[in-house]
Amino acid sequence: MEIRFCRPEDQAALVEIEAQGQPFPWASGVFAQDLRGEGGVFYLGAQAPKGVLCGFAVGRVERGDLLLLNLGVHLRYRRQGVGLQLLAALGETGTYLGCHRLRLHVRFSNEGARQFYGDLGFRRLLRIPAYYEDGEDAEEWVGALPLSLVRPEASAAASGSEEG
């Protein structure tokens, strides 16, 4: 798996991945504008060995923090560590850019994402009422940069111990 900056020719793949995982996906025009450098954001893409874009992360520096705007993984590549690799690369980029924290918003109903970020040591800062266009609340989460991305169950397995 190679992590690289996305290019305008990645737009169709980004739109496809986004449509698979979002109830209100970003419009194709947003991707086009951003990939032309007009949105003040950067895109990292996870590329599978055969050149297929299988995931992406979108970031922006905001008031000294790195803000994760979007993270998407193609259905065929979920639960294979792609999101974790993208998050690690995003964190490295943020550290390089002088950021000390990574902030993100998660739909309140997205229990899988909330568990994912919590397991990685992110902490919930606040709940934002009616944040999304459908009226759903968001939670703002924050993690310190540089990120330490060892999931608790992975470190327990590596040390041969189990909790409980």
Protein backbone atom coordinates (compact mmCIF):
# COMPACT_ATOMS: atom_id res chain seq x y z
CA MET A 1 0.00 0.00 0.00
CA GLU A 2 1.39 3.38 -1.02
CA ILE A 3 0.17 6.64 0.52
CA ARG A 4 0.50 9.60 -1.82
CA PHE A 5 -1.01 13.01 -2.50
CA CYS A 6 -4.08 12.82 -4.72
CA ARG A 7 -4.18 14.35 -8.18
CA PRO A 8 -7.03 15.65 -10.37
CA GLU A 9 -7.17 12.32 -12.22
CA ASP A 10 -8.18 10.65 -8.92
CA GLN A 11 -11.50 12.53 -8.84
CA ALA A 12 -13.70 9.69 -10.16
CA ALA A 13 -12.27 7.20 -7.64
CA LEU A 14 -12.67 9.68 -4.78
CA VAL A 15 -16.30 10.30 -5.71
CA GLU A 16 -16.96 6.54 -5.86
CA ILE A 17 -15.38 5.90 -2.44
CA GLU A 18 -17.22 8.85 -0.91
CA ALA A 19 -20.58 7.65 -2.25
CA GLN A 20 -20.08 4.24 -0.60
CA GLY A 21 -19.78 5.51 2.92
CA GLN A 22 -21.62 8.77 3.38
CA PRO A 23 -25.34 9.45 3.73
CA PHE A 24 -24.70 12.91 2.24
CA PRO A 25 -21.57 12.53 0.08
CA TRP A 26 -19.51 15.46 -1.06
CA ALA A 27 -20.37 16.60 -4.58
CA SER A 28 -18.04 15.81 -7.45
CA GLY A 29 -17.43 19.54 -7.90
CA VAL A 30 -16.03 19.84 -4.38
CA PHE A 31 -13.41 17.21 -5.20
CA ALA A 32 -12.61 18.91 -8.52
CA GLN A 33 -12.17 22.32 -6.88
CA ASP A 34 -10.05 20.93 -4.05
CA LEU A 35 -7.84 18.89 -6.38
CA ARG A 36 -7.15 22.03 -8.42
CA GLY A 37 -5.80 23.59 -5.21
CA GLU A 38 -8.70 26.00 -4.72
CA GLY A 39 -10.01 24.70 -1.40
CA GLY A 40 -7.04 25.15 0.91
CA VAL A 41 -7.02 21.44 1.68
CA PHE A 42 -4.85 18.47 0.82
CA TYR A 43 -5.83 14.92 -0.08
CA LEU A 44 -3.85 11.82 0.73
CA GLY A 45 -4.70 8.66 -1.16
CA ALA A 46 -4.04 5.01 -0.37
CA GLN A 47 -3.08 3.21 -3.54
CA ALA A 48 -3.26 -0.58 -3.78
CA PRO A 49 -0.50 -2.47 -5.62
CA LYS A 50 -2.38 -2.51 -8.94
CA GLY A 51 -2.78 1.28 -8.87
CA VAL A 52 -6.33 1.28 -7.53
CA LEU A 53 -7.15 4.14 -5.18
CA CYS A 54 -8.68 2.37 -2.20
CA GLY A 55 -8.98 5.19 0.33
CA PHE A 56 -8.42 8.85 1.01
CA ALA A 57 -8.05 11.41 3.79
CA VAL A 58 -8.65 15.15 3.50
CA GLY A 59 -6.90 17.61 5.79
CA ARG A 60 -6.59 21.33 6.38
CA VAL A 61 -4.56 23.40 8.83
CA GLU A 62 -6.85 25.52 10.97
CA ARG A 63 -5.64 27.75 13.83
CA GLY A 64 -2.52 25.64 14.36
CA ASP A 65 -4.41 22.33 14.40
CA LEU A 66 -4.74 19.79 11.63
CA LEU A 67 -8.40 19.23 10.86
CA LEU A 68 -9.42 15.88 9.35
CA LEU A 69 -12.27 16.80 7.02
CA ASN A 70 -12.98 13.41 5.51
CA LEU A 71 -11.73 9.84 5.61
CA GLY A 72 -13.04 7.23 3.23
CA VAL A 73 -12.10 3.64 2.41
CA HIS A 74 -13.46 1.62 -0.51
CA LEU A 75 -15.80 -1.18 0.60
CA ARG A 76 -13.46 -3.90 -0.70
CA TYR A 77 -10.58 -2.58 1.43
CA ARG A 78 -12.30 -1.91 4.75
CA ARG A 79 -11.04 -3.58 7.93
CA GLN A 80 -7.59 -4.07 6.35
CA GLY A 81 -5.77 -1.16 8.02
CA VAL A 82 -6.18 1.32 5.16
CA GLY A 83 -7.87 3.94 7.35
CA LEU A 84 -5.18 3.54 9.99
CA GLN A 85 -2.42 4.01 7.40
CA LEU A 86 -4.13 7.11 6.05
CA LEU A 87 -4.55 8.53 9.55
CA ALA A 88 -0.86 7.86 10.31
CA ALA A 89 0.22 9.63 7.10
CA LEU A 90 -2.12 12.52 7.82
CA GLY A 91 -0.64 12.84 11.31
CA GLU A 92 2.90 12.85 9.92
CA THR A 93 1.90 15.56 7.44
CA GLY A 94 0.36 17.62 10.24
CA THR A 95 3.48 17.30 12.37
CA TYR A 96 5.59 18.38 9.39
CA LEU A 97 3.31 21.41 8.96
CA GLY A 98 3.86 22.39 12.60
CA CYS A 99 0.52 21.23 14.01
CA HIS A 100 0.29 19.83 17.54
CA ARG A 101 -3.24 18.39 17.46
CA LEU A 102 -5.48 16.54 15.04
CA ARG A 103 -9.17 17.44 15.32
CA LEU A 104 -12.12 15.79 13.61
CA HIS A 105 -15.89 15.57 13.67
CA VAL A 106 -17.82 12.31 13.79
CA ARG A 107 -21.54 11.73 13.30
CA PHE A 108 -23.09 10.84 16.63
CA SER A 109 -24.67 7.75 15.03
CA ASN A 110 -21.32 6.51 13.68
CA GLU A 111 -20.45 4.21 16.57
CA GLY A 112 -17.77 2.41 14.56
CA ALA A 113 -15.84 5.62 13.93
CA ARG A 114 -16.27 6.76 17.53
CA GLN A 115 -14.88 3.41 18.73
CA PHE A 116 -12.02 3.59 16.19
CA TYR A 117 -10.86 7.04 17.31
CA GLY A 118 -11.37 6.26 20.98
CA ASP A 119 -9.29 3.09 20.67
CA LEU A 120 -6.51 5.18 19.13
CA GLY A 121 -6.38 7.53 22.11
CA PHE A 122 -8.40 10.39 20.70
CA ARG A 123 -10.66 12.06 23.22
CA ARG A 124 -14.09 13.52 22.76
CA LEU A 125 -14.20 17.27 23.33
CA LEU A 126 -17.81 18.17 22.78
CA ARG A 127 -21.10 17.36 21.10
CA ILE A 128 -22.26 19.80 18.42
CA PRO A 129 -26.05 19.86 18.00
CA ALA A 130 -27.46 19.69 14.44
CA TYR A 131 -23.99 19.91 12.85
CA TYR A 132 -24.83 17.92 9.73
CA GLU A 133 -27.24 19.00 6.99
CA ASP A 134 -29.75 16.33 8.02
CA GLY A 135 -29.81 17.72 11.57
CA GLU A 136 -27.70 14.99 13.16
CA ASP A 137 -25.32 15.94 15.95
CA ALA A 138 -21.55 15.63 15.65
CA GLU A 139 -18.88 14.99 18.21
CA GLU A 140 -15.56 16.80 18.03
CA TRP A 141 -12.59 14.59 18.85
CA VAL A 142 -8.92 15.51 19.30
CA GLY A 143 -5.63 13.64 19.35
CA ALA A 144 -2.12 14.89 20.06
CA LEU A 145 0.45 15.01 17.27
CA PRO A 146 2.57 13.09 16.62
CA LEU A 147 -0.03 10.34 16.73
CA SER A 148 0.57 7.08 18.55
CA LEU A 149 -1.52 4.66 16.51
CA VAL A 150 -1.19 1.37 18.33
CA ARG A 151 -4.68 0.07 19.01
CA PRO A 152 -4.99 -1.42 22.52
CA GLU A 153 -5.99 -4.89 21.28
CA ALA A 154 -3.01 -4.93 18.89
CA SER A 155 -0.53 -4.06 21.65
CA ALA A 156 -2.05 -6.68 23.99
CA ALA A 157 -1.80 -9.33 21.28
CA ALA A 158 1.80 -8.37 20.53
CA SER A 159 2.78 -8.70 24.19
CA GLY A 160 0.92 -11.99 24.58
CA SER A 161 -1.38 -10.68 27.28
CA GLU A 162 -5.11 -10.31 27.43
CA GLU A 163 -7.22 -8.09 29.62
CA GLY A 164 -10.17 -9.42 31.55
